[in-house]
Amino acid sequence: EDDGARRRLTYWWRDRAAPRPPGRA
């Protein structure tokens, strides 16, 4: 829920799994 933590998790995931986090669809 914390915006900062979610951004950090997004960047972590993106660096290891895909060019960008999954979109809404």
PDBML (XML) file of the C-alpha atoms, coordinates in Angstrom:
<?xml version="1.0" encoding="UTF-8" ?>
<PDBx:datablock datablockName="MODEL"
   xmlns:PDBx="http://pdbml.pdb.org/schema/pdbx-v50.xsd"
   xmlns:xsi="http://www.w3.org/2001/XMLSchema-instance"
   xsi:schemaLocation="http://pdbml.pdb.org/schema/pdbx-v50.xsd pdbx-v50.xsd">
   <PDBx:atom_siteCategory>
      <PDBx:atom_site id="1">
         <PDBx:B_iso_or_equiv>0.00</PDBx:B_iso_or_equiv>
         <PDBx:Cartn_x>0.000</PDBx:Cartn_x>
         <PDBx:Cartn_y>0.000</PDBx:Cartn_y>
         <PDBx:Cartn_z>0.000</PDBx:Cartn_z>
         <PDBx:auth_asym_id>A</PDBx:auth_asym_id>
         <PDBx:auth_atom_id>CA</PDBx:auth_atom_id>
         <PDBx:auth_comp_id>GLU</PDBx:auth_comp_id>
         <PDBx:auth_seq_id>1</PDBx:auth_seq_id>
         <PDBx:group_PDB>ATOM</PDBx:group_PDB>
         <PDBx:label_alt_id xsi:nil="true" />
         <PDBx:label_asym_id>A</PDBx:label_asym_id>
         <PDBx:label_atom_id>CA</PDBx:label_atom_id>
         <PDBx:label_comp_id>GLU</PDBx:label_comp_id>
         <PDBx:label_entity_id>1</PDBx:label_entity_id>
         <PDBx:label_seq_id>1</PDBx:label_seq_id>
         <PDBx:occupancy>1.00</PDBx:occupancy>
         <PDBx:pdbx_PDB_model_num>1</PDBx:pdbx_PDB_model_num>
         <PDBx:type_symbol>C</PDBx:type_symbol>
      </PDBx:atom_site>
      <PDBx:atom_site id="2">
         <PDBx:B_iso_or_equiv>0.00</PDBx:B_iso_or_equiv>
         <PDBx:Cartn_x>2.905</PDBx:Cartn_x>
         <PDBx:Cartn_y>2.354</PDBx:Cartn_y>
         <PDBx:Cartn_z>0.617</PDBx:Cartn_z>
         <PDBx:auth_asym_id>A</PDBx:auth_asym_id>
         <PDBx:auth_atom_id>CA</PDBx:auth_atom_id>
         <PDBx:auth_comp_id>ASP</PDBx:auth_comp_id>
         <PDBx:auth_seq_id>2</PDBx:auth_seq_id>
         <PDBx:group_PDB>ATOM</PDBx:group_PDB>
         <PDBx:label_alt_id xsi:nil="true" />
         <PDBx:label_asym_id>A</PDBx:label_asym_id>
         <PDBx:label_atom_id>CA</PDBx:label_atom_id>
         <PDBx:label_comp_id>ASP</PDBx:label_comp_id>
         <PDBx:label_entity_id>1</PDBx:label_entity_id>
         <PDBx:label_seq_id>2</PDBx:label_seq_id>
         <PDBx:occupancy>1.00</PDBx:occupancy>
         <PDBx:pdbx_PDB_model_num>1</PDBx:pdbx_PDB_model_num>
         <PDBx:type_symbol>C</PDBx:type_symbol>
      </PDBx:atom_site>
      <PDBx:atom_site id="3">
         <PDBx:B_iso_or_equiv>0.00</PDBx:B_iso_or_equiv>
         <PDBx:Cartn_x>3.585</PDBx:Cartn_x>
         <PDBx:Cartn_y>4.179</PDBx:Cartn_y>
         <PDBx:Cartn_z>-2.661</PDBx:Cartn_z>
         <PDBx:auth_asym_id>A</PDBx:auth_asym_id>
         <PDBx:auth_atom_id>CA</PDBx:auth_atom_id>
         <PDBx:auth_comp_id>ASP</PDBx:auth_comp_id>
         <PDBx:auth_seq_id>3</PDBx:auth_seq_id>
         <PDBx:group_PDB>ATOM</PDBx:group_PDB>
         <PDBx:label_alt_id xsi:nil="true" />
         <PDBx:label_asym_id>A</PDBx:label_asym_id>
         <PDBx:label_atom_id>CA</PDBx:label_atom_id>
         <PDBx:label_comp_id>ASP</PDBx:label_comp_id>
         <PDBx:label_entity_id>1</PDBx:label_entity_id>
         <PDBx:label_seq_id>3</PDBx:label_seq_id>
         <PDBx:occupancy>1.00</PDBx:occupancy>
         <PDBx:pdbx_PDB_model_num>1</PDBx:pdbx_PDB_model_num>
         <PDBx:type_symbol>C</PDBx:type_symbol>
      </PDBx:atom_site>
      <PDBx:atom_site id="4">
         <PDBx:B_iso_or_equiv>0.00</PDBx:B_iso_or_equiv>
         <PDBx:Cartn_x>7.346</PDBx:Cartn_x>
         <PDBx:Cartn_y>4.263</PDBx:Cartn_y>
         <PDBx:Cartn_z>-2.198</PDBx:Cartn_z>
         <PDBx:auth_asym_id>A</PDBx:auth_asym_id>
         <PDBx:auth_atom_id>CA</PDBx:auth_atom_id>
         <PDBx:auth_comp_id>GLY</PDBx:auth_comp_id>
         <PDBx:auth_seq_id>4</PDBx:auth_seq_id>
         <PDBx:group_PDB>ATOM</PDBx:group_PDB>
         <PDBx:label_alt_id xsi:nil="true" />
         <PDBx:label_asym_id>A</PDBx:label_asym_id>
         <PDBx:label_atom_id>CA</PDBx:label_atom_id>
         <PDBx:label_comp_id>GLY</PDBx:label_comp_id>
         <PDBx:label_entity_id>1</PDBx:label_entity_id>
         <PDBx:label_seq_id>4</PDBx:label_seq_id>
         <PDBx:occupancy>1.00</PDBx:occupancy>
         <PDBx:pdbx_PDB_model_num>1</PDBx:pdbx_PDB_model_num>
         <PDBx:type_symbol>C</PDBx:type_symbol>
      </PDBx:atom_site>
      <PDBx:atom_site id="5">
         <PDBx:B_iso_or_equiv>0.00</PDBx:B_iso_or_equiv>
         <PDBx:Cartn_x>7.572</PDBx:Cartn_x>
         <PDBx:Cartn_y>0.562</PDBx:Cartn_y>
         <PDBx:Cartn_z>-1.413</PDBx:Cartn_z>
         <PDBx:auth_asym_id>A</PDBx:auth_asym_id>
         <PDBx:auth_atom_id>CA</PDBx:auth_atom_id>
         <PDBx:auth_comp_id>ALA</PDBx:auth_comp_id>
         <PDBx:auth_seq_id>5</PDBx:auth_seq_id>
         <PDBx:group_PDB>ATOM</PDBx:group_PDB>
         <PDBx:label_alt_id xsi:nil="true" />
         <PDBx:label_asym_id>A</PDBx:label_asym_id>
         <PDBx:label_atom_id>CA</PDBx:label_atom_id>
         <PDBx:label_comp_id>ALA</PDBx:label_comp_id>
         <PDBx:label_entity_id>1</PDBx:label_entity_id>
         <PDBx:label_seq_id>5</PDBx:label_seq_id>
         <PDBx:occupancy>1.00</PDBx:occupancy>
         <PDBx:pdbx_PDB_model_num>1</PDBx:pdbx_PDB_model_num>
         <PDBx:type_symbol>C</PDBx:type_symbol>
      </PDBx:atom_site>
      <PDBx:atom_site id="6">
         <PDBx:B_iso_or_equiv>0.00</PDBx:B_iso_or_equiv>
         <PDBx:Cartn_x>5.349</PDBx:Cartn_x>
         <PDBx:Cartn_y>-0.291</PDBx:Cartn_y>
         <PDBx:Cartn_z>-4.379</PDBx:Cartn_z>
         <PDBx:auth_asym_id>A</PDBx:auth_asym_id>
         <PDBx:auth_atom_id>CA</PDBx:auth_atom_id>
         <PDBx:auth_comp_id>ARG</PDBx:auth_comp_id>
         <PDBx:auth_seq_id>6</PDBx:auth_seq_id>
         <PDBx:group_PDB>ATOM</PDBx:group_PDB>
         <PDBx:label_alt_id xsi:nil="true" />
         <PDBx:label_asym_id>A</PDBx:label_asym_id>
         <PDBx:label_atom_id>CA</PDBx:label_atom_id>
         <PDBx:label_comp_id>ARG</PDBx:label_comp_id>
         <PDBx:label_entity_id>1</PDBx:label_entity_id>
         <PDBx:label_seq_id>6</PDBx:label_seq_id>
         <PDBx:occupancy>1.00</PDBx:occupancy>
         <PDBx:pdbx_PDB_model_num>1</PDBx:pdbx_PDB_model_num>
         <PDBx:type_symbol>C</PDBx:type_symbol>
      </PDBx:atom_site>
      <PDBx:atom_site id="7">
         <PDBx:B_iso_or_equiv>0.00</PDBx:B_iso_or_equiv>
         <PDBx:Cartn_x>7.574</PDBx:Cartn_x>
         <PDBx:Cartn_y>1.745</PDBx:Cartn_y>
         <PDBx:Cartn_z>-6.719</PDBx:Cartn_z>
         <PDBx:auth_asym_id>A</PDBx:auth_asym_id>
         <PDBx:auth_atom_id>CA</PDBx:auth_atom_id>
         <PDBx:auth_comp_id>ARG</PDBx:auth_comp_id>
         <PDBx:auth_seq_id>7</PDBx:auth_seq_id>
         <PDBx:group_PDB>ATOM</PDBx:group_PDB>
         <PDBx:label_alt_id xsi:nil="true" />
         <PDBx:label_asym_id>A</PDBx:label_asym_id>
         <PDBx:label_atom_id>CA</PDBx:label_atom_id>
         <PDBx:label_comp_id>ARG</PDBx:label_comp_id>
         <PDBx:label_entity_id>1</PDBx:label_entity_id>
         <PDBx:label_seq_id>7</PDBx:label_seq_id>
         <PDBx:occupancy>1.00</PDBx:occupancy>
         <PDBx:pdbx_PDB_model_num>1</PDBx:pdbx_PDB_model_num>
         <PDBx:type_symbol>C</PDBx:type_symbol>
      </PDBx:atom_site>
      <PDBx:atom_site id="8">
         <PDBx:B_iso_or_equiv>0.00</PDBx:B_iso_or_equiv>
         <PDBx:Cartn_x>10.661</PDBx:Cartn_x>
         <PDBx:Cartn_y>-0.033</PDBx:Cartn_y>
         <PDBx:Cartn_z>-5.400</PDBx:Cartn_z>
         <PDBx:auth_asym_id>A</PDBx:auth_asym_id>
         <PDBx:auth_atom_id>CA</PDBx:auth_atom_id>
         <PDBx:auth_comp_id>ARG</PDBx:auth_comp_id>
         <PDBx:auth_seq_id>8</PDBx:auth_seq_id>
         <PDBx:group_PDB>ATOM</PDBx:group_PDB>
         <PDBx:label_alt_id xsi:nil="true" />
         <PDBx:label_asym_id>A</PDBx:label_asym_id>
         <PDBx:label_atom_id>CA</PDBx:label_atom_id>
         <PDBx:label_comp_id>ARG</PDBx:label_comp_id>
         <PDBx:label_entity_id>1</PDBx:label_entity_id>
         <PDBx:label_seq_id>8</PDBx:label_seq_id>
         <PDBx:occupancy>1.00</PDBx:occupancy>
         <PDBx:pdbx_PDB_model_num>1</PDBx:pdbx_PDB_model_num>
         <PDBx:type_symbol>C</PDBx:type_symbol>
      </PDBx:atom_site>
      <PDBx:atom_site id="9">
         <PDBx:B_iso_or_equiv>0.00</PDBx:B_iso_or_equiv>
         <PDBx:Cartn_x>8.998</PDBx:Cartn_x>
         <PDBx:Cartn_y>-3.399</PDBx:Cartn_y>
         <PDBx:Cartn_z>-5.892</PDBx:Cartn_z>
         <PDBx:auth_asym_id>A</PDBx:auth_asym_id>
         <PDBx:auth_atom_id>CA</PDBx:auth_atom_id>
         <PDBx:auth_comp_id>LEU</PDBx:auth_comp_id>
         <PDBx:auth_seq_id>9</PDBx:auth_seq_id>
         <PDBx:group_PDB>ATOM</PDBx:group_PDB>
         <PDBx:label_alt_id xsi:nil="true" />
         <PDBx:label_asym_id>A</PDBx:label_asym_id>
         <PDBx:label_atom_id>CA</PDBx:label_atom_id>
         <PDBx:label_comp_id>LEU</PDBx:label_comp_id>
         <PDBx:label_entity_id>1</PDBx:label_entity_id>
         <PDBx:label_seq_id>9</PDBx:label_seq_id>
         <PDBx:occupancy>1.00</PDBx:occupancy>
         <PDBx:pdbx_PDB_model_num>1</PDBx:pdbx_PDB_model_num>
         <PDBx:type_symbol>C</PDBx:type_symbol>
      </PDBx:atom_site>
      <PDBx:atom_site id="10">
         <PDBx:B_iso_or_equiv>0.00</PDBx:B_iso_or_equiv>
         <PDBx:Cartn_x>7.934</PDBx:Cartn_x>
         <PDBx:Cartn_y>-2.403</PDBx:Cartn_y>
         <PDBx:Cartn_z>-9.414</PDBx:Cartn_z>
         <PDBx:auth_asym_id>A</PDBx:auth_asym_id>
         <PDBx:auth_atom_id>CA</PDBx:auth_atom_id>
         <PDBx:auth_comp_id>THR</PDBx:auth_comp_id>
         <PDBx:auth_seq_id>10</PDBx:auth_seq_id>
         <PDBx:group_PDB>ATOM</PDBx:group_PDB>
         <PDBx:label_alt_id xsi:nil="true" />
         <PDBx:label_asym_id>A</PDBx:label_asym_id>
         <PDBx:label_atom_id>CA</PDBx:label_atom_id>
         <PDBx:label_comp_id>THR</PDBx:label_comp_id>
         <PDBx:label_entity_id>1</PDBx:label_entity_id>
         <PDBx:label_seq_id>10</PDBx:label_seq_id>
         <PDBx:occupancy>1.00</PDBx:occupancy>
         <PDBx:pdbx_PDB_model_num>1</PDBx:pdbx_PDB_model_num>
         <PDBx:type_symbol>C</PDBx:type_symbol>
      </PDBx:atom_site>
      <PDBx:atom_site id="11">
         <PDBx:B_iso_or_equiv>0.00</PDBx:B_iso_or_equiv>
         <PDBx:Cartn_x>11.469</PDBx:Cartn_x>
         <PDBx:Cartn_y>-1.441</PDBx:Cartn_y>
         <PDBx:Cartn_z>-10.354</PDBx:Cartn_z>
         <PDBx:auth_asym_id>A</PDBx:auth_asym_id>
         <PDBx:auth_atom_id>CA</PDBx:auth_atom_id>
         <PDBx:auth_comp_id>TYR</PDBx:auth_comp_id>
         <PDBx:auth_seq_id>11</PDBx:auth_seq_id>
         <PDBx:group_PDB>ATOM</PDBx:group_PDB>
         <PDBx:label_alt_id xsi:nil="true" />
         <PDBx:label_asym_id>A</PDBx:label_asym_id>
         <PDBx:label_atom_id>CA</PDBx:label_atom_id>
         <PDBx:label_comp_id>TYR</PDBx:label_comp_id>
         <PDBx:label_entity_id>1</PDBx:label_entity_id>
         <PDBx:label_seq_id>11</PDBx:label_seq_id>
         <PDBx:occupancy>1.00</PDBx:occupancy>
         <PDBx:pdbx_PDB_model_num>1</PDBx:pdbx_PDB_model_num>
         <PDBx:type_symbol>C</PDBx:type_symbol>
      </PDBx:atom_site>
      <PDBx:atom_site id="12">
         <PDBx:B_iso_or_equiv>0.00</PDBx:B_iso_or_equiv>
         <PDBx:Cartn_x>12.852</PDBx:Cartn_x>
         <PDBx:Cartn_y>-4.631</PDBx:Cartn_y>
         <PDBx:Cartn_z>-8.808</PDBx:Cartn_z>
         <PDBx:auth_asym_id>A</PDBx:auth_asym_id>
         <PDBx:auth_atom_id>CA</PDBx:auth_atom_id>
         <PDBx:auth_comp_id>TRP</PDBx:auth_comp_id>
         <PDBx:auth_seq_id>12</PDBx:auth_seq_id>
         <PDBx:group_PDB>ATOM</PDBx:group_PDB>
         <PDBx:label_alt_id xsi:nil="true" />
         <PDBx:label_asym_id>A</PDBx:label_asym_id>
         <PDBx:label_atom_id>CA</PDBx:label_atom_id>
         <PDBx:label_comp_id>TRP</PDBx:label_comp_id>
         <PDBx:label_entity_id>1</PDBx:label_entity_id>
         <PDBx:label_seq_id>12</PDBx:label_seq_id>
         <PDBx:occupancy>1.00</PDBx:occupancy>
         <PDBx:pdbx_PDB_model_num>1</PDBx:pdbx_PDB_model_num>
         <PDBx:type_symbol>C</PDBx:type_symbol>
      </PDBx:atom_site>
      <PDBx:atom_site id="13">
         <PDBx:B_iso_or_equiv>0.00</PDBx:B_iso_or_equiv>
         <PDBx:Cartn_x>10.377</PDBx:Cartn_x>
         <PDBx:Cartn_y>-6.781</PDBx:Cartn_y>
         <PDBx:Cartn_z>-10.727</PDBx:Cartn_z>
         <PDBx:auth_asym_id>A</PDBx:auth_asym_id>
         <PDBx:auth_atom_id>CA</PDBx:auth_atom_id>
         <PDBx:auth_comp_id>TRP</PDBx:auth_comp_id>
         <PDBx:auth_seq_id>13</PDBx:auth_seq_id>
         <PDBx:group_PDB>ATOM</PDBx:group_PDB>
         <PDBx:label_alt_id xsi:nil="true" />
         <PDBx:label_asym_id>A</PDBx:label_asym_id>
         <PDBx:label_atom_id>CA</PDBx:label_atom_id>
         <PDBx:label_comp_id>TRP</PDBx:label_comp_id>
         <PDBx:label_entity_id>1</PDBx:label_entity_id>
         <PDBx:label_seq_id>13</PDBx:label_seq_id>
         <PDBx:occupancy>1.00</PDBx:occupancy>
         <PDBx:pdbx_PDB_model_num>1</PDBx:pdbx_PDB_model_num>
         <PDBx:type_symbol>C</PDBx:type_symbol>
      </PDBx:atom_site>
      <PDBx:atom_site id="14">
         <PDBx:B_iso_or_equiv>0.00</PDBx:B_iso_or_equiv>
         <PDBx:Cartn_x>10.948</PDBx:Cartn_x>
         <PDBx:Cartn_y>-4.909</PDBx:Cartn_y>
         <PDBx:Cartn_z>-14.001</PDBx:Cartn_z>
         <PDBx:auth_asym_id>A</PDBx:auth_asym_id>
         <PDBx:auth_atom_id>CA</PDBx:auth_atom_id>
         <PDBx:auth_comp_id>ARG</PDBx:auth_comp_id>
         <PDBx:auth_seq_id>14</PDBx:auth_seq_id>
         <PDBx:group_PDB>ATOM</PDBx:group_PDB>
         <PDBx:label_alt_id xsi:nil="true" />
         <PDBx:label_asym_id>A</PDBx:label_asym_id>
         <PDBx:label_atom_id>CA</PDBx:label_atom_id>
         <PDBx:label_comp_id>ARG</PDBx:label_comp_id>
         <PDBx:label_entity_id>1</PDBx:label_entity_id>
         <PDBx:label_seq_id>14</PDBx:label_seq_id>
         <PDBx:occupancy>1.00</PDBx:occupancy>
         <PDBx:pdbx_PDB_model_num>1</PDBx:pdbx_PDB_model_num>
         <PDBx:type_symbol>C</PDBx:type_symbol>
      </PDBx:atom_site>
      <PDBx:atom_site id="15">
         <PDBx:B_iso_or_equiv>0.00</PDBx:B_iso_or_equiv>
         <PDBx:Cartn_x>14.721</PDBx:Cartn_x>
         <PDBx:Cartn_y>-5.251</PDBx:Cartn_y>
         <PDBx:Cartn_z>-13.770</PDBx:Cartn_z>
         <PDBx:auth_asym_id>A</PDBx:auth_asym_id>
         <PDBx:auth_atom_id>CA</PDBx:auth_atom_id>
         <PDBx:auth_comp_id>ASP</PDBx:auth_comp_id>
         <PDBx:auth_seq_id>15</PDBx:auth_seq_id>
         <PDBx:group_PDB>ATOM</PDBx:group_PDB>
         <PDBx:label_alt_id xsi:nil="true" />
         <PDBx:label_asym_id>A</PDBx:label_asym_id>
         <PDBx:label_atom_id>CA</PDBx:label_atom_id>
         <PDBx:label_comp_id>ASP</PDBx:label_comp_id>
         <PDBx:label_entity_id>1</PDBx:label_entity_id>
         <PDBx:label_seq_id>15</PDBx:label_seq_id>
         <PDBx:occupancy>1.00</PDBx:occupancy>
         <PDBx:pdbx_PDB_model_num>1</PDBx:pdbx_PDB_model_num>
         <PDBx:type_symbol>C</PDBx:type_symbol>
      </PDBx:atom_site>
      <PDBx:atom_site id="16">
         <PDBx:B_iso_or_equiv>0.00</PDBx:B_iso_or_equiv>
         <PDBx:Cartn_x>14.438</PDBx:Cartn_x>
         <PDBx:Cartn_y>-9.027</PDBx:Cartn_y>
         <PDBx:Cartn_z>-13.463</PDBx:Cartn_z>
         <PDBx:auth_asym_id>A</PDBx:auth_asym_id>
         <PDBx:auth_atom_id>CA</PDBx:auth_atom_id>
         <PDBx:auth_comp_id>ARG</PDBx:auth_comp_id>
         <PDBx:auth_seq_id>16</PDBx:auth_seq_id>
         <PDBx:group_PDB>ATOM</PDBx:group_PDB>
         <PDBx:label_alt_id xsi:nil="true" />
         <PDBx:label_asym_id>A</PDBx:label_asym_id>
         <PDBx:label_atom_id>CA</PDBx:label_atom_id>
         <PDBx:label_comp_id>ARG</PDBx:label_comp_id>
         <PDBx:label_entity_id>1</PDBx:label_entity_id>
         <PDBx:label_seq_id>16</PDBx:label_seq_id>
         <PDBx:occupancy>1.00</PDBx:occupancy>
         <PDBx:pdbx_PDB_model_num>1</PDBx:pdbx_PDB_model_num>
         <PDBx:type_symbol>C</PDBx:type_symbol>
      </PDBx:atom_site>
      <PDBx:atom_site id="17">
         <PDBx:B_iso_or_equiv>0.00</PDBx:B_iso_or_equiv>
         <PDBx:Cartn_x>11.312</PDBx:Cartn_x>
         <PDBx:Cartn_y>-10.084</PDBx:Cartn_y>
         <PDBx:Cartn_z>-15.319</PDBx:Cartn_z>
         <PDBx:auth_asym_id>A</PDBx:auth_asym_id>
         <PDBx:auth_atom_id>CA</PDBx:auth_atom_id>
         <PDBx:auth_comp_id>ALA</PDBx:auth_comp_id>
         <PDBx:auth_seq_id>17</PDBx:auth_seq_id>
         <PDBx:group_PDB>ATOM</PDBx:group_PDB>
         <PDBx:label_alt_id xsi:nil="true" />
         <PDBx:label_asym_id>A</PDBx:label_asym_id>
         <PDBx:label_atom_id>CA</PDBx:label_atom_id>
         <PDBx:label_comp_id>ALA</PDBx:label_comp_id>
         <PDBx:label_entity_id>1</PDBx:label_entity_id>
         <PDBx:label_seq_id>17</PDBx:label_seq_id>
         <PDBx:occupancy>1.00</PDBx:occupancy>
         <PDBx:pdbx_PDB_model_num>1</PDBx:pdbx_PDB_model_num>
         <PDBx:type_symbol>C</PDBx:type_symbol>
      </PDBx:atom_site>
      <PDBx:atom_site id="18">
         <PDBx:B_iso_or_equiv>0.00</PDBx:B_iso_or_equiv>
         <PDBx:Cartn_x>10.368</PDBx:Cartn_x>
         <PDBx:Cartn_y>-7.755</PDBx:Cartn_y>
         <PDBx:Cartn_z>-18.165</PDBx:Cartn_z>
         <PDBx:auth_asym_id>A</PDBx:auth_asym_id>
         <PDBx:auth_atom_id>CA</PDBx:auth_atom_id>
         <PDBx:auth_comp_id>ALA</PDBx:auth_comp_id>
         <PDBx:auth_seq_id>18</PDBx:auth_seq_id>
         <PDBx:group_PDB>ATOM</PDBx:group_PDB>
         <PDBx:label_alt_id xsi:nil="true" />
         <PDBx:label_asym_id>A</PDBx:label_asym_id>
         <PDBx:label_atom_id>CA</PDBx:label_atom_id>
         <PDBx:label_comp_id>ALA</PDBx:label_comp_id>
         <PDBx:label_entity_id>1</PDBx:label_entity_id>
         <PDBx:label_seq_id>18</PDBx:label_seq_id>
         <PDBx:occupancy>1.00</PDBx:occupancy>
         <PDBx:pdbx_PDB_model_num>1</PDBx:pdbx_PDB_model_num>
         <PDBx:type_symbol>C</PDBx:type_symbol>
      </PDBx:atom_site>
      <PDBx:atom_site id="19">
         <PDBx:B_iso_or_equiv>0.00</PDBx:B_iso_or_equiv>
         <PDBx:Cartn_x>10.949</PDBx:Cartn_x>
         <PDBx:Cartn_y>-4.373</PDBx:Cartn_y>
         <PDBx:Cartn_z>-19.816</PDBx:Cartn_z>
         <PDBx:auth_asym_id>A</PDBx:auth_asym_id>
         <PDBx:auth_atom_id>CA</PDBx:auth_atom_id>
         <PDBx:auth_comp_id>PRO</PDBx:auth_comp_id>
         <PDBx:auth_seq_id>19</PDBx:auth_seq_id>
         <PDBx:group_PDB>ATOM</PDBx:group_PDB>
         <PDBx:label_alt_id xsi:nil="true" />
         <PDBx:label_asym_id>A</PDBx:label_asym_id>
         <PDBx:label_atom_id>CA</PDBx:label_atom_id>
         <PDBx:label_comp_id>PRO</PDBx:label_comp_id>
         <PDBx:label_entity_id>1</PDBx:label_entity_id>
         <PDBx:label_seq_id>19</PDBx:label_seq_id>
         <PDBx:occupancy>1.00</PDBx:occupancy>
         <PDBx:pdbx_PDB_model_num>1</PDBx:pdbx_PDB_model_num>
         <PDBx:type_symbol>C</PDBx:type_symbol>
      </PDBx:atom_site>
      <PDBx:atom_site id="20">
         <PDBx:B_iso_or_equiv>0.00</PDBx:B_iso_or_equiv>
         <PDBx:Cartn_x>8.061</PDBx:Cartn_x>
         <PDBx:Cartn_y>-2.963</PDBx:Cartn_y>
         <PDBx:Cartn_z>-17.805</PDBx:Cartn_z>
         <PDBx:auth_asym_id>A</PDBx:auth_asym_id>
         <PDBx:auth_atom_id>CA</PDBx:auth_atom_id>
         <PDBx:auth_comp_id>ARG</PDBx:auth_comp_id>
         <PDBx:auth_seq_id>20</PDBx:auth_seq_id>
         <PDBx:group_PDB>ATOM</PDBx:group_PDB>
         <PDBx:label_alt_id xsi:nil="true" />
         <PDBx:label_asym_id>A</PDBx:label_asym_id>
         <PDBx:label_atom_id>CA</PDBx:label_atom_id>
         <PDBx:label_comp_id>ARG</PDBx:label_comp_id>
         <PDBx:label_entity_id>1</PDBx:label_entity_id>
         <PDBx:label_seq_id>20</PDBx:label_seq_id>
         <PDBx:occupancy>1.00</PDBx:occupancy>
         <PDBx:pdbx_PDB_model_num>1</PDBx:pdbx_PDB_model_num>
         <PDBx:type_symbol>C</PDBx:type_symbol>
      </PDBx:atom_site>
      <PDBx:atom_site id="21">
         <PDBx:B_iso_or_equiv>0.00</PDBx:B_iso_or_equiv>
         <PDBx:Cartn_x>5.584</PDBx:Cartn_x>
         <PDBx:Cartn_y>-4.063</PDBx:Cartn_y>
         <PDBx:Cartn_z>-15.125</PDBx:Cartn_z>
         <PDBx:auth_asym_id>A</PDBx:auth_asym_id>
         <PDBx:auth_atom_id>CA</PDBx:auth_atom_id>
         <PDBx:auth_comp_id>PRO</PDBx:auth_comp_id>
         <PDBx:auth_seq_id>21</PDBx:auth_seq_id>
         <PDBx:group_PDB>ATOM</PDBx:group_PDB>
         <PDBx:label_alt_id xsi:nil="true" />
         <PDBx:label_asym_id>A</PDBx:label_asym_id>
         <PDBx:label_atom_id>CA</PDBx:label_atom_id>
         <PDBx:label_comp_id>PRO</PDBx:label_comp_id>
         <PDBx:label_entity_id>1</PDBx:label_entity_id>
         <PDBx:label_seq_id>21</PDBx:label_seq_id>
         <PDBx:occupancy>1.00</PDBx:occupancy>
         <PDBx:pdbx_PDB_model_num>1</PDBx:pdbx_PDB_model_num>
         <PDBx:type_symbol>C</PDBx:type_symbol>
      </PDBx:atom_site>
      <PDBx:atom_site id="22">
         <PDBx:B_iso_or_equiv>0.00</PDBx:B_iso_or_equiv>
         <PDBx:Cartn_x>2.333</PDBx:Cartn_x>
         <PDBx:Cartn_y>-5.642</PDBx:Cartn_y>
         <PDBx:Cartn_z>-16.343</PDBx:Cartn_z>
         <PDBx:auth_asym_id>A</PDBx:auth_asym_id>
         <PDBx:auth_atom_id>CA</PDBx:auth_atom_id>
         <PDBx:auth_comp_id>PRO</PDBx:auth_comp_id>
         <PDBx:auth_seq_id>22</PDBx:auth_seq_id>
         <PDBx:group_PDB>ATOM</PDBx:group_PDB>
         <PDBx:label_alt_id xsi:nil="true" />
         <PDBx:label_asym_id>A</PDBx:label_asym_id>
         <PDBx:label_atom_id>CA</PDBx:label_atom_id>
         <PDBx:label_comp_id>PRO</PDBx:label_comp_id>
         <PDBx:label_entity_id>1</PDBx:label_entity_id>
         <PDBx:label_seq_id>22</PDBx:label_seq_id>
         <PDBx:occupancy>1.00</PDBx:occupancy>
         <PDBx:pdbx_PDB_model_num>1</PDBx:pdbx_PDB_model_num>
         <PDBx:type_symbol>C</PDBx:type_symbol>
      </PDBx:atom_site>
      <PDBx:atom_site id="23">
         <PDBx:B_iso_or_equiv>0.00</PDBx:B_iso_or_equiv>
         <PDBx:Cartn_x>-0.195</PDBx:Cartn_x>
         <PDBx:Cartn_y>-3.129</PDBx:Cartn_y>
         <PDBx:Cartn_z>-17.666</PDBx:Cartn_z>
         <PDBx:auth_asym_id>A</PDBx:auth_asym_id>
         <PDBx:auth_atom_id>CA</PDBx:auth_atom_id>
         <PDBx:auth_comp_id>GLY</PDBx:auth_comp_id>
         <PDBx:auth_seq_id>23</PDBx:auth_seq_id>
         <PDBx:group_PDB>ATOM</PDBx:group_PDB>
         <PDBx:label_alt_id xsi:nil="true" />
         <PDBx:label_asym_id>A</PDBx:label_asym_id>
         <PDBx:label_atom_id>CA</PDBx:label_atom_id>
         <PDBx:label_comp_id>GLY</PDBx:label_comp_id>
         <PDBx:label_entity_id>1</PDBx:label_entity_id>
         <PDBx:label_seq_id>23</PDBx:label_seq_id>
         <PDBx:occupancy>1.00</PDBx:occupancy>
         <PDBx:pdbx_PDB_model_num>1</PDBx:pdbx_PDB_model_num>
         <PDBx:type_symbol>C</PDBx:type_symbol>
      </PDBx:atom_site>
      <PDBx:atom_site id="24">
         <PDBx:B_iso_or_equiv>0.00</PDBx:B_iso_or_equiv>
         <PDBx:Cartn_x>-3.799</PDBx:Cartn_x>
         <PDBx:Cartn_y>-2.855</PDBx:Cartn_y>
         <PDBx:Cartn_z>-16.500</PDBx:Cartn_z>
         <PDBx:auth_asym_id>A</PDBx:auth_asym_id>
         <PDBx:auth_atom_id>CA</PDBx:auth_atom_id>
         <PDBx:auth_comp_id>ARG</PDBx:auth_comp_id>
         <PDBx:auth_seq_id>24</PDBx:auth_seq_id>
         <PDBx:group_PDB>ATOM</PDBx:group_PDB>
         <PDBx:label_alt_id xsi:nil="true" />
         <PDBx:label_asym_id>A</PDBx:label_asym_id>
         <PDBx:label_atom_id>CA</PDBx:label_atom_id>
         <PDBx:label_comp_id>ARG</PDBx:label_comp_id>
         <PDBx:label_entity_id>1</PDBx:label_entity_id>
         <PDBx:label_seq_id>24</PDBx:label_seq_id>
         <PDBx:occupancy>1.00</PDBx:occupancy>
         <PDBx:pdbx_PDB_model_num>1</PDBx:pdbx_PDB_model_num>
         <PDBx:type_symbol>C</PDBx:type_symbol>
      </PDBx:atom_site>
      <PDBx:atom_site id="25">
         <PDBx:B_iso_or_equiv>0.00</PDBx:B_iso_or_equiv>
         <PDBx:Cartn_x>-5.184</PDBx:Cartn_x>
         <PDBx:Cartn_y>-5.239</PDBx:Cartn_y>
         <PDBx:Cartn_z>-19.140</PDBx:Cartn_z>
         <PDBx:auth_asym_id>A</PDBx:auth_asym_id>
         <PDBx:auth_atom_id>CA</PDBx:auth_atom_id>
         <PDBx:auth_comp_id>ALA</PDBx:auth_comp_id>
         <PDBx:auth_seq_id>25</PDBx:auth_seq_id>
         <PDBx:group_PDB>ATOM</PDBx:group_PDB>
         <PDBx:label_alt_id xsi:nil="true" />
         <PDBx:label_asym_id>A</PDBx:label_asym_id>
         <PDBx:label_atom_id>CA</PDBx:label_atom_id>
         <PDBx:label_comp_id>ALA</PDBx:label_comp_id>
         <PDBx:label_entity_id>1</PDBx:label_entity_id>
         <PDBx:label_seq_id>25</PDBx:label_seq_id>
         <PDBx:occupancy>1.00</PDBx:occupancy>
         <PDBx:pdbx_PDB_model_num>1</PDBx:pdbx_PDB_model_num>
         <PDBx:type_symbol>C</PDBx:type_symbol>
      </PDBx:atom_site>
   </PDBx:atom_siteCategory>
</PDBx:datablock>
